PDB file of all heavy atoms in Angstrom:
ATOM      1  N   PRO A   1       4.642  61.647 -20.788  1.00  0.00           N
ATOM      2  CA  PRO A   1       3.468  60.792 -21.178  1.00  0.00           C
ATOM      3  C   PRO A   1       3.710  59.251 -20.806  1.00  0.00           C
ATOM      4  O   PRO A   1       4.753  58.821 -20.667  1.00  0.00           O
ATOM      5  CB  PRO A   1       3.515  60.907 -22.700  1.00  0.00           C
ATOM      6  CG  PRO A   1       4.187  62.197 -22.993  1.00  0.00           C
ATOM      7  CD  PRO A   1       5.188  62.312 -21.890  1.00  0.00           C
ATOM      8  N   TRP A   2       2.476  58.645 -20.543  1.00  0.00           N
ATOM      9  CA  TRP A   2       2.451  57.227 -20.077  1.00  0.00           C
ATOM     10  C   TRP A   2       3.085  57.009 -18.767  1.00  0.00           C
ATOM     11  O   TRP A   2       3.413  55.833 -18.477  1.00  0.00           O
ATOM     12  CB  TRP A   2       3.113  56.336 -21.197  1.00  0.00           C
ATOM     13  CG  TRP A   2       2.401  56.516 -22.547  1.00  0.00           C
ATOM     14  CD1 TRP A   2       2.838  57.207 -23.633  1.00  0.00           C
ATOM     15  CD2 TRP A   2       1.103  56.020 -22.864  1.00  0.00           C
ATOM     16  NE1 TRP A   2       1.877  57.127 -24.651  1.00  0.00           N
ATOM     17  CE2 TRP A   2       0.837  56.434 -24.210  1.00  0.00           C
ATOM     18  CE3 TRP A   2       0.122  55.235 -22.193  1.00  0.00           C
ATOM     19  CZ2 TRP A   2      -0.305  56.125 -24.869  1.00  0.00           C
ATOM     20  CZ3 TRP A   2      -1.064  54.923 -22.899  1.00  0.00           C
ATOM     21  CH2 TRP A   2      -1.276  55.379 -24.109  1.00  0.00           C
ATOM     22  N   GLY A   3       3.341  57.994 -18.000  1.00  0.00           N
ATOM     23  CA  GLY A   3       3.870  57.778 -16.645  1.00  0.00           C
ATOM     24  C   GLY A   3       2.866  57.300 -15.685  1.00  0.00           C
ATOM     25  O   GLY A   3       1.752  57.028 -16.021  1.00  0.00           O
ATOM     26  N   ARG A   4       3.338  57.210 -14.422  1.00  0.00           N
ATOM     27  CA  ARG A   4       2.423  56.629 -13.384  1.00  0.00           C
ATOM     28  C   ARG A   4       1.322  57.705 -13.020  1.00  0.00           C
ATOM     29  O   ARG A   4       1.727  58.811 -12.747  1.00  0.00           O
ATOM     30  CB  ARG A   4       3.248  56.212 -12.105  1.00  0.00           C
ATOM     31  CG  ARG A   4       4.016  55.010 -12.286  1.00  0.00           C
ATOM     32  CD  ARG A   4       4.889  54.699 -11.153  1.00  0.00           C
ATOM     33  NE  ARG A   4       4.344  55.097  -9.842  1.00  0.00           N
ATOM     34  CZ  ARG A   4       5.234  55.336  -8.797  1.00  0.00           C
ATOM     35  NH1 ARG A   4       6.508  55.188  -8.923  1.00  0.00           N
ATOM     36  NH2 ARG A   4       4.712  55.806  -7.711  1.00  0.00           N
ATOM     37  N   PRO A   5       0.082  57.347 -13.031  1.00  0.00           N
ATOM     38  CA  PRO A   5      -0.947  58.336 -12.756  1.00  0.00           C
ATOM     39  C   PRO A   5      -1.022  58.814 -11.261  1.00  0.00           C
ATOM     40  O   PRO A   5      -1.744  59.736 -10.942  1.00  0.00           O
ATOM     41  CB  PRO A   5      -2.243  57.697 -13.105  1.00  0.00           C
ATOM     42  CG  PRO A   5      -1.951  56.227 -13.207  1.00  0.00           C
ATOM     43  CD  PRO A   5      -0.451  56.077 -13.416  1.00  0.00           C
ATOM     44  N   ASP A   6      -0.217  58.174 -10.338  1.00  0.00           N
ATOM     45  CA  ASP A   6      -0.195  58.613  -9.018  1.00  0.00           C
ATOM     46  C   ASP A   6       1.048  59.593  -8.746  1.00  0.00           C
ATOM     47  O   ASP A   6       1.132  59.948  -7.579  1.00  0.00           O
ATOM     48  CB  ASP A   6      -0.053  57.464  -8.064  1.00  0.00           C
ATOM     49  CG  ASP A   6       1.256  56.581  -8.285  1.00  0.00           C
ATOM     50  OD1 ASP A   6       1.744  56.522  -9.480  1.00  0.00           O
ATOM     51  OD2 ASP A   6       1.856  56.050  -7.330  1.00  0.00           O
ATOM     52  N   MET A   7       1.697  59.942  -9.772  1.00  0.00           N
ATOM     53  CA  MET A   7       2.775  60.902  -9.596  1.00  0.00           C
ATOM     54  C   MET A   7       2.327  62.355  -9.691  1.00  0.00           C
ATOM     55  O   MET A   7       1.254  62.632 -10.178  1.00  0.00           O
ATOM     56  CB  MET A   7       3.880  60.639 -10.620  1.00  0.00           C
ATOM     57  CG  MET A   7       4.578  59.264 -10.603  1.00  0.00           C
ATOM     58  SD  MET A   7       5.515  59.055  -8.980  1.00  0.00           S
ATOM     59  CE  MET A   7       6.882  59.958  -9.378  1.00  0.00           C
ATOM     60  N   ALA A   8       3.098  63.180  -9.210  1.00  0.00           N
ATOM     61  CA  ALA A   8       2.707  64.641  -9.010  1.00  0.00           C
ATOM     62  C   ALA A   8       2.271  65.232 -10.258  1.00  0.00           C
ATOM     63  O   ALA A   8       1.176  65.901 -10.243  1.00  0.00           O
ATOM     64  CB  ALA A   8       3.871  65.389  -8.413  1.00  0.00           C
ATOM     65  N   LEU A   9       2.940  65.086 -11.401  1.00  0.00           N
ATOM     66  CA  LEU A   9       2.472  65.720 -12.632  1.00  0.00           C
ATOM     67  C   LEU A   9       1.122  65.339 -13.050  1.00  0.00           C
ATOM     68  O   LEU A   9       0.368  66.197 -13.406  1.00  0.00           O
ATOM     69  CB  LEU A   9       3.522  65.473 -13.732  1.00  0.00           C
ATOM     70  CG  LEU A   9       3.249  66.107 -15.109  1.00  0.00           C
ATOM     71  CD1 LEU A   9       3.113  67.586 -14.962  1.00  0.00           C
ATOM     72  CD2 LEU A   9       4.455  65.773 -16.126  1.00  0.00           C
ATOM     73  N   PHE A  10       0.821  64.004 -13.028  1.00  0.00           N
ATOM     74  CA  PHE A  10      -0.573  63.558 -13.383  1.00  0.00           C
ATOM     75  C   PHE A  10      -1.529  64.086 -12.419  1.00  0.00           C
ATOM     76  O   PHE A  10      -2.592  64.658 -12.848  1.00  0.00           O
ATOM     77  CB  PHE A  10      -0.651  62.076 -13.341  1.00  0.00           C
ATOM     78  CG  PHE A  10      -0.202  61.401 -14.584  1.00  0.00           C
ATOM     79  CD1 PHE A  10       1.173  61.227 -14.930  1.00  0.00           C
ATOM     80  CD2 PHE A  10      -1.211  60.931 -15.443  1.00  0.00           C
ATOM     81  CE1 PHE A  10       1.415  60.492 -16.101  1.00  0.00           C
ATOM     82  CE2 PHE A  10      -0.933  60.223 -16.638  1.00  0.00           C
ATOM     83  CZ  PHE A  10       0.404  60.079 -16.921  1.00  0.00           C
ATOM     84  N   LEU A  11      -1.369  64.004 -11.085  1.00  0.00           N
ATOM     85  CA  LEU A  11      -2.271  64.457 -10.023  1.00  0.00           C
ATOM     86  C   LEU A  11      -2.474  65.944 -10.151  1.00  0.00           C
ATOM     87  O   LEU A  11      -3.655  66.372 -10.142  1.00  0.00           O
ATOM     88  CB  LEU A  11      -1.750  64.120  -8.662  1.00  0.00           C
ATOM     89  CG  LEU A  11      -1.630  62.594  -8.343  1.00  0.00           C
ATOM     90  CD1 LEU A  11      -0.985  62.432  -7.050  1.00  0.00           C
ATOM     91  CD2 LEU A  11      -3.020  61.936  -8.392  1.00  0.00           C
ATOM     92  N   PHE A  12      -1.431  66.732 -10.310  1.00  0.00           N
ATOM     93  CA  PHE A  12      -1.579  68.164 -10.381  1.00  0.00           C
ATOM     94  C   PHE A  12      -2.341  68.566 -11.617  1.00  0.00           C
ATOM     95  O   PHE A  12      -3.305  69.407 -11.610  1.00  0.00           O
ATOM     96  CB  PHE A  12      -0.199  68.859 -10.338  1.00  0.00           C
ATOM     97  CG  PHE A  12       0.495  68.795  -9.090  1.00  0.00           C
ATOM     98  CD1 PHE A  12       1.771  69.215  -9.042  1.00  0.00           C
ATOM     99  CD2 PHE A  12      -0.044  68.302  -7.825  1.00  0.00           C
ATOM    100  CE1 PHE A  12       2.501  69.059  -7.832  1.00  0.00           C
ATOM    101  CE2 PHE A  12       0.587  68.328  -6.709  1.00  0.00           C
ATOM    102  CZ  PHE A  12       1.925  68.753  -6.650  1.00  0.00           C
ATOM    103  N   THR A  13      -2.026  68.016 -12.755  1.00  0.00           N
ATOM    104  CA  THR A  13      -2.688  68.250 -14.045  1.00  0.00           C
ATOM    105  C   THR A  13      -4.171  68.039 -13.918  1.00  0.00           C
ATOM    106  O   THR A  13      -5.049  68.849 -14.280  1.00  0.00           O
ATOM    107  CB  THR A  13      -2.066  67.618 -15.176  1.00  0.00           C
ATOM    108  OG1 THR A  13      -0.718  67.940 -15.268  1.00  0.00           O
ATOM    109  CG2 THR A  13      -2.770  67.897 -16.473  1.00  0.00           C
ATOM    110  N   GLN A  14      -4.499  66.771 -13.422  1.00  0.00           N
ATOM    111  CA  GLN A  14      -5.897  66.363 -13.286  1.00  0.00           C
ATOM    112  C   GLN A  14      -6.602  67.317 -12.396  1.00  0.00           C
ATOM    113  O   GLN A  14      -7.778  67.745 -12.661  1.00  0.00           O
ATOM    114  CB  GLN A  14      -5.917  64.973 -12.733  1.00  0.00           C
ATOM    115  CG  GLN A  14      -7.332  64.366 -12.479  1.00  0.00           C
ATOM    116  CD  GLN A  14      -7.246  62.929 -11.898  1.00  0.00           C
ATOM    117  OE1 GLN A  14      -6.386  62.726 -11.029  1.00  0.00           O
ATOM    118  NE2 GLN A  14      -8.119  62.141 -12.274  1.00  0.00           N
ATOM    119  N   LYS A  15      -6.061  67.593 -11.237  1.00  0.00           N
ATOM    120  CA  LYS A  15      -6.785  68.474 -10.250  1.00  0.00           C
ATOM    121  C   LYS A  15      -6.907  69.917 -10.734  1.00  0.00           C
ATOM    122  O   LYS A  15      -7.955  70.535 -10.461  1.00  0.00           O
ATOM    123  CB  LYS A  15      -6.105  68.366  -8.905  1.00  0.00           C
ATOM    124  CG  LYS A  15      -6.327  67.013  -8.244  1.00  0.00           C
ATOM    125  CD  LYS A  15      -5.678  66.915  -6.853  1.00  0.00           C
ATOM    126  CE  LYS A  15      -6.019  65.591  -6.294  1.00  0.00           C
ATOM    127  NZ  LYS A  15      -6.418  65.565  -4.865  1.00  0.00           N
ATOM    128  N   ILE A  16      -5.913  70.476 -11.410  1.00  0.00           N
ATOM    129  CA  ILE A  16      -5.956  71.801 -11.803  1.00  0.00           C
ATOM    130  C   ILE A  16      -7.071  71.972 -12.893  1.00  0.00           C
ATOM    131  O   ILE A  16      -7.933  72.884 -12.849  1.00  0.00           O
ATOM    132  CB  ILE A  16      -4.623  72.276 -12.379  1.00  0.00           C
ATOM    133  CG1 ILE A  16      -3.548  72.486 -11.294  1.00  0.00           C
ATOM    134  CG2 ILE A  16      -4.803  73.609 -13.183  1.00  0.00           C
ATOM    135  CD1 ILE A  16      -2.116  72.650 -11.689  1.00  0.00           C
ATOM    136  N   LEU A  17      -7.115  70.956 -13.759  1.00  0.00           N
ATOM    137  CA  LEU A  17      -8.142  70.968 -14.806  1.00  0.00           C
ATOM    138  C   LEU A  17      -9.581  70.837 -14.210  1.00  0.00           C
ATOM    139  O   LEU A  17     -10.543  71.401 -14.834  1.00  0.00           O
ATOM    140  CB  LEU A  17      -7.892  69.882 -15.856  1.00  0.00           C
ATOM    141  CG  LEU A  17      -6.735  70.203 -16.851  1.00  0.00           C
ATOM    142  CD1 LEU A  17      -6.512  68.889 -17.692  1.00  0.00           C
ATOM    143  CD2 LEU A  17      -6.997  71.425 -17.689  1.00  0.00           C
ATOM    144  N   ALA A  18      -9.587  70.158 -13.094  1.00  0.00           N
ATOM    145  CA  ALA A  18     -10.903  69.921 -12.446  1.00  0.00           C
ATOM    146  C   ALA A  18     -11.293  71.045 -11.447  1.00  0.00           C
ATOM    147  O   ALA A  18     -12.360  71.049 -10.850  1.00  0.00           O
ATOM    148  CB  ALA A  18     -10.926  68.538 -11.732  1.00  0.00           C
ATOM    149  N   GLY A  19     -10.380  71.975 -11.262  1.00  0.00           N
ATOM    150  CA  GLY A  19     -10.599  73.077 -10.396  1.00  0.00           C
ATOM    151  C   GLY A  19     -10.435  72.684  -8.893  1.00  0.00           C
ATOM    152  O   GLY A  19     -10.954  73.363  -8.039  1.00  0.00           O
ATOM    153  N   GLU A  20      -9.792  71.545  -8.634  1.00  0.00           N
ATOM    154  CA  GLU A  20      -9.677  71.007  -7.315  1.00  0.00           C
ATOM    155  C   GLU A  20      -8.268  71.449  -6.724  1.00  0.00           C
ATOM    156  O   GLU A  20      -7.346  71.709  -7.542  1.00  0.00           O
ATOM    157  CB  GLU A  20      -9.690  69.538  -7.324  1.00  0.00           C
ATOM    158  CG  GLU A  20     -11.025  68.889  -7.740  1.00  0.00           C
ATOM    159  CD  GLU A  20     -10.965  67.395  -7.853  1.00  0.00           C
ATOM    160  OE1 GLU A  20      -9.995  66.771  -7.524  1.00  0.00           O
ATOM    161  OE2 GLU A  20     -11.977  66.963  -8.493  1.00  0.00           O
ATOM    162  N   PRO A  21      -8.244  71.553  -5.471  1.00  0.00           N
ATOM    163  CA  PRO A  21      -6.838  71.976  -4.856  1.00  0.00           C
ATOM    164  C   PRO A  21      -5.824  70.917  -4.893  1.00  0.00           C
ATOM    165  O   PRO A  21      -6.134  69.702  -4.886  1.00  0.00           O
ATOM    166  CB  PRO A  21      -7.216  72.319  -3.436  1.00  0.00           C
ATOM    167  CG  PRO A  21      -8.557  71.615  -3.154  1.00  0.00           C
ATOM    168  CD  PRO A  21      -9.185  71.354  -4.419  1.00  0.00           C
ATOM    169  N   ILE A  22      -4.563  71.323  -4.962  1.00  0.00           N
ATOM    170  CA  ILE A  22      -3.399  70.355  -4.999  1.00  0.00           C
ATOM    171  C   ILE A  22      -2.672  70.544  -3.643  1.00  0.00           C
ATOM    172  O   ILE A  22      -2.656  71.632  -3.064  1.00  0.00           O
ATOM    173  CB  ILE A  22      -2.482  70.535  -6.127  1.00  0.00           C
ATOM    174  CG1 ILE A  22      -1.859  72.006  -6.185  1.00  0.00           C
ATOM    175  CG2 ILE A  22      -3.124  70.378  -7.491  1.00  0.00           C
ATOM    176  CD1 ILE A  22      -0.781  72.163  -7.195  1.00  0.00           C
ATOM    177  N   GLU A  23      -2.186  69.401  -3.154  1.00  0.00           N
ATOM    178  CA  GLU A  23      -1.332  69.419  -1.883  1.00  0.00           C
ATOM    179  C   GLU A  23       0.131  69.677  -2.307  1.00  0.00           C
ATOM    180  O   GLU A  23       0.692  69.111  -3.125  1.00  0.00           O
ATOM    181  CB  GLU A  23      -1.445  68.054  -1.214  1.00  0.00           C
ATOM    182  CG  GLU A  23      -2.795  67.742  -0.648  1.00  0.00           C
ATOM    183  CD  GLU A  23      -2.899  66.425   0.029  1.00  0.00           C
ATOM    184  OE1 GLU A  23      -2.102  65.556  -0.315  1.00  0.00           O
ATOM    185  OE2 GLU A  23      -3.792  66.355   0.926  1.00  0.00           O
ATOM    186  N   VAL A  24       0.661  70.778  -1.648  1.00  0.00           N
ATOM    187  CA  VAL A  24       1.984  71.153  -1.896  1.00  0.00           C
ATOM    188  C   VAL A  24       2.890  70.983  -0.713  1.00  0.00           C
ATOM    189  O   VAL A  24       2.807  71.806   0.277  1.00  0.00           O
ATOM    190  CB  VAL A  24       1.976  72.733  -2.336  1.00  0.00           C
ATOM    191  CG1 VAL A  24       3.444  73.188  -2.763  1.00  0.00           C
ATOM    192  CG2 VAL A  24       1.127  72.945  -3.535  1.00  0.00           C
ATOM    193  N   PHE A  25       3.618  69.921  -0.649  1.00  0.00           N
ATOM    194  CA  PHE A  25       4.361  69.573   0.559  1.00  0.00           C
ATOM    195  C   PHE A  25       5.645  70.529   0.660  1.00  0.00           C
ATOM    196  O   PHE A  25       6.099  70.960  -0.323  1.00  0.00           O
ATOM    197  CB  PHE A  25       4.797  68.077   0.472  1.00  0.00           C
ATOM    198  CG  PHE A  25       3.525  67.204   0.675  1.00  0.00           C
ATOM    199  CD1 PHE A  25       2.972  66.657  -0.409  1.00  0.00           C
ATOM    200  CD2 PHE A  25       3.047  66.953   1.962  1.00  0.00           C
ATOM    201  CE1 PHE A  25       1.839  65.791  -0.173  1.00  0.00           C
ATOM    202  CE2 PHE A  25       1.933  66.182   2.187  1.00  0.00           C
ATOM    203  CZ  PHE A  25       1.300  65.536   1.105  1.00  0.00           C
ATOM    204  N   ASN A  26       6.125  70.559   1.959  1.00  0.00           N
ATOM    205  CA  ASN A  26       7.295  71.408   2.368  1.00  0.00           C
ATOM    206  C   ASN A  26       6.990  72.852   1.885  1.00  0.00           C
ATOM    207  O   ASN A  26       7.891  73.518   1.530  1.00  0.00           O
ATOM    208  CB  ASN A  26       8.605  70.813   1.723  1.00  0.00           C
ATOM    209  CG  ASN A  26       9.724  71.414   2.482  1.00  0.00           C
ATOM    210  OD1 ASN A  26       9.752  71.691   3.591  1.00  0.00           O
ATOM    211  ND2 ASN A  26      10.894  71.503   1.803  1.00  0.00           N
ATOM    212  N   ASN A  27       5.741  73.178   1.805  1.00  0.00           N
ATOM    213  CA  ASN A  27       5.370  74.544   1.307  1.00  0.00           C
ATOM    214  C   ASN A  27       5.884  74.866   0.031  1.00  0.00           C
ATOM    215  O   ASN A  27       6.107  76.071  -0.362  1.00  0.00           O
ATOM    216  CB  ASN A  27       5.756  75.540   2.499  1.00  0.00           C
ATOM    217  CG  ASN A  27       5.060  75.353   3.704  1.00  0.00           C
ATOM    218  OD1 ASN A  27       3.751  75.193   3.741  1.00  0.00           O
ATOM    219  ND2 ASN A  27       5.773  75.114   4.846  1.00  0.00           N
ATOM    220  N   GLY A  28       6.182  73.871  -0.835  1.00  0.00           N
ATOM    221  CA  GLY A  28       6.647  74.109  -2.137  1.00  0.00           C
ATOM    222  C   GLY A  28       8.142  74.390  -2.278  1.00  0.00           C
ATOM    223  O   GLY A  28       8.645  74.661  -3.329  1.00  0.00           O
TER     224      GLY A  28
END
């Protein structure tokens, strides 16, 4: 909580909830 909103956890959570795709570098 209260982390940087540009970090993976924030971005992934936001996009998953919005039904948007996430970028997975190095093929995960």
